[in-house]
């Protein structure tokens, strides 16, 4: 997780609109589990998306797909990927450590303005990380419905109940 903090710090410094979802959000909500990537929902307007991709590539990441990563900022390209390849996330890997990965959602799993409004900020050292609310995370995990998501939902509901 600490290997991904420079990226979050750069996003914060450049005012990239993002919300952390997925396994890292599960960890930050209080369930200690292994995750090697960071799943992000970013605001998908061309300016925010192109700045985000530029920062990601400047940090040493490359697109897994054989395409220009800046194509991610083009809504028509993302729609083409969704329609032709059923793409849900656009993946990057770190060139010096391929186990470090970033997945950007190509479309909003939840309305972005609502997701962002309900998100919370957590401090990791001196870096503030914006993560989705526990309710939105549970909802996304239920939609994904993989075995690890089912277990995450069970544990997130326990954490949520303990916070009530």
Protein backbone atom coordinates (compact mmCIF):
# COMPACT_ATOMS: atom_id res chain seq x y z
CA UNK A 1 0.00 0.00 0.00
CA UNK A 2 2.77 2.45 0.84
CA UNK A 3 4.16 1.98 -2.67
CA UNK A 4 0.96 3.52 -4.05
CA UNK A 5 1.00 6.58 -1.77
CA UNK A 6 3.18 8.71 -4.09
CA UNK A 7 0.47 8.37 -6.73
CA UNK A 8 -2.27 9.48 -4.33
CA UNK A 9 -0.05 12.33 -3.14
CA UNK A 10 0.48 13.46 -6.76
CA UNK A 11 -3.27 13.25 -7.43
CA UNK A 12 -3.93 15.41 -4.38
CA UNK A 13 -1.27 17.96 -5.34
CA UNK A 14 -2.70 18.26 -8.88
CA UNK A 15 -6.34 18.38 -7.74
CA UNK A 16 -7.32 15.18 -9.53
CA UNK A 17 -10.88 14.25 -8.64
CA UNK A 18 -10.80 10.58 -7.56
CA UNK A 19 -12.26 8.07 -5.14
CA UNK A 20 -10.44 4.89 -4.05
CA UNK A 21 -12.63 1.79 -4.27
CA UNK A 22 -11.92 -1.94 -4.21
CA UNK A 23 -9.49 -3.78 -1.95
CA UNK A 24 -7.57 -0.73 -0.76
CA UNK A 25 -10.84 0.90 0.32
CA UNK A 26 -11.70 -2.31 2.21
CA UNK A 27 -8.35 -2.09 4.01
CA UNK A 28 -8.82 1.59 4.82
CA UNK A 29 -12.26 0.88 6.25
CA UNK A 30 -10.66 -1.53 8.69
CA UNK A 31 -10.35 -5.03 7.25
CA UNK A 32 -6.72 -6.07 6.96
CA UNK A 33 -6.48 -8.04 3.75
CA UNK A 34 -3.94 -8.35 0.99
CA UNK A 35 -4.34 -6.20 -2.08
CA UNK A 36 -1.69 -5.46 -4.67
CA UNK A 37 -3.51 -2.88 -6.75
CA UNK A 38 -5.43 0.32 -6.39
CA UNK A 39 -8.88 0.65 -7.92
CA UNK A 40 -9.93 4.19 -8.71
CA UNK A 41 -13.02 5.89 -9.94
CA UNK A 42 -11.96 9.24 -11.33
CA UNK A 43 -14.10 12.01 -12.70
CA UNK A 44 -14.15 11.15 -16.39
CA UNK A 45 -14.19 14.59 -17.97
CA UNK A 46 -11.35 14.86 -20.50
CA UNK A 47 -9.28 17.32 -18.47
CA UNK A 48 -9.34 15.33 -15.20
CA UNK A 49 -8.84 12.01 -17.00
CA UNK A 50 -5.92 13.19 -19.11
CA UNK A 51 -4.18 14.76 -16.10
CA UNK A 52 -4.71 11.57 -14.08
CA UNK A 53 -3.27 9.37 -16.84
CA UNK A 54 -0.31 11.73 -17.28
CA UNK A 55 0.46 11.52 -13.56
CA UNK A 56 0.13 7.73 -13.61
CA UNK A 57 2.56 7.39 -16.52
CA UNK A 58 4.97 9.94 -14.98
CA UNK A 59 5.01 7.73 -11.88
CA UNK A 60 6.42 4.85 -13.97
CA UNK A 61 3.22 3.01 -14.91
CA UNK A 62 2.35 1.70 -18.37
CA UNK A 63 -0.94 0.59 -19.85
CA UNK A 64 -1.45 -3.18 -19.91
CA UNK A 65 -3.34 -2.91 -23.20
CA UNK A 66 -1.37 -2.06 -26.35
CA UNK A 67 -2.97 1.38 -26.70
CA UNK A 68 -1.97 4.95 -26.04
CA UNK A 69 -2.88 5.44 -22.36
CA UNK A 70 -4.04 9.00 -23.08
CA UNK A 71 -6.86 7.46 -25.14
CA UNK A 72 -8.48 6.82 -21.75
CA UNK A 73 -9.40 10.53 -21.64
CA UNK A 74 -11.45 10.17 -24.83
CA UNK A 75 -15.09 9.26 -24.00
CA UNK A 76 -15.64 7.69 -27.45
CA UNK A 77 -12.59 5.41 -26.98
CA UNK A 78 -13.81 4.33 -23.54
CA UNK A 79 -17.26 3.60 -24.96
CA UNK A 80 -15.66 1.59 -27.78
CA UNK A 81 -13.70 -0.45 -25.21
CA UNK A 82 -16.84 -1.04 -23.17
CA UNK A 83 -18.87 -2.15 -26.21
CA UNK A 84 -16.20 -4.15 -28.08
CA UNK A 85 -14.28 -5.67 -25.16
CA UNK A 86 -16.70 -5.47 -22.21
CA UNK A 87 -13.99 -3.46 -20.48
CA UNK A 88 -14.76 -2.42 -16.91
CA UNK A 89 -11.35 -1.10 -15.87
CA UNK A 90 -8.33 0.22 -17.74
CA UNK A 91 -5.24 -1.31 -16.13
CA UNK A 92 -1.75 0.00 -15.60
CA UNK A 93 1.29 -1.82 -14.20
CA UNK A 94 4.50 -0.37 -12.81
CA UNK A 95 7.39 -0.92 -15.21
CA UNK A 96 9.88 -1.71 -12.42
CA UNK A 97 7.42 -3.75 -10.34
CA UNK A 98 4.68 -5.38 -12.46
CA UNK A 99 2.85 -6.49 -9.30
CA UNK A 100 1.98 -2.86 -8.59
CA UNK A 101 -1.17 -2.12 -10.55
CA UNK A 102 -3.74 0.62 -10.98
CA UNK A 103 -7.22 0.04 -12.36
CA UNK A 104 -9.27 3.00 -13.54
CA UNK A 105 -12.98 2.42 -14.05
CA UNK A 106 -13.91 3.22 -17.66
CA UNK A 107 -17.46 4.13 -16.60
CA UNK A 108 -18.98 5.09 -13.29
CA UNK A 109 -20.10 2.10 -11.20
CA UNK A 110 -22.14 4.62 -9.17
CA UNK A 111 -23.04 8.19 -10.09
CA UNK A 112 -19.74 10.03 -9.60
CA UNK A 113 -21.11 13.13 -7.88
CA UNK A 114 -22.96 10.96 -5.36
CA UNK A 115 -19.97 8.63 -4.89
CA UNK A 116 -17.69 11.61 -4.27
CA UNK A 117 -20.17 13.37 -1.96
CA UNK A 118 -20.48 10.27 0.24
CA UNK A 119 -16.74 9.48 0.20
CA UNK A 120 -14.55 9.95 3.26
CA UNK A 121 -10.94 10.97 3.72
CA UNK A 122 -8.50 8.88 5.72
CA UNK A 123 -4.95 9.85 6.64
CA UNK A 124 -2.09 7.53 5.76
CA UNK A 125 0.93 9.16 7.29
CA UNK A 126 0.84 12.71 5.96
CA UNK A 127 -1.25 11.83 2.90
CA UNK A 128 -5.01 12.18 2.80
CA UNK A 129 -6.71 9.43 0.78
CA UNK A 130 -10.29 9.81 -0.47
CA UNK A 131 -12.13 6.49 -0.22
CA UNK A 132 -15.68 5.53 -1.03
CA UNK A 133 -18.18 5.25 1.78
CA UNK A 134 -18.63 1.87 3.37
CA UNK A 135 -22.19 1.69 1.99
CA UNK A 136 -21.04 2.40 -1.59
CA UNK A 137 -18.20 -0.10 -1.19
CA UNK A 138 -20.64 -2.77 -0.01
CA UNK A 139 -22.91 -1.99 -2.96
CA UNK A 140 -20.04 -2.27 -5.46
CA UNK A 141 -18.79 -5.49 -3.90
CA UNK A 142 -22.29 -6.99 -4.07
CA UNK A 143 -22.49 -6.13 -7.78
CA UNK A 144 -19.08 -7.71 -8.49
CA UNK A 145 -20.16 -10.84 -6.58
CA UNK A 146 -16.87 -12.73 -6.73
CA UNK A 147 -15.99 -14.98 -3.77
CA UNK A 148 -13.53 -12.41 -2.37
CA UNK A 149 -16.20 -9.70 -2.75
CA UNK A 150 -18.75 -11.78 -0.84
CA UNK A 151 -16.26 -12.15 2.01
CA UNK A 152 -15.44 -8.42 1.88
CA UNK A 153 -19.17 -7.61 2.13
CA UNK A 154 -19.55 -9.86 5.16
CA UNK A 155 -16.63 -8.21 6.93
CA UNK A 156 -17.57 -4.67 5.89
CA UNK A 157 -21.06 -5.20 7.30
CA UNK A 158 -19.50 -6.29 10.61
CA UNK A 159 -17.32 -3.16 10.60
CA UNK A 160 -20.32 -0.97 9.73
CA UNK A 161 -22.41 -2.51 12.54
CA UNK A 162 -19.57 -1.93 15.02
CA UNK A 163 -19.42 1.75 14.01
CA UNK A 164 -23.17 2.25 14.57
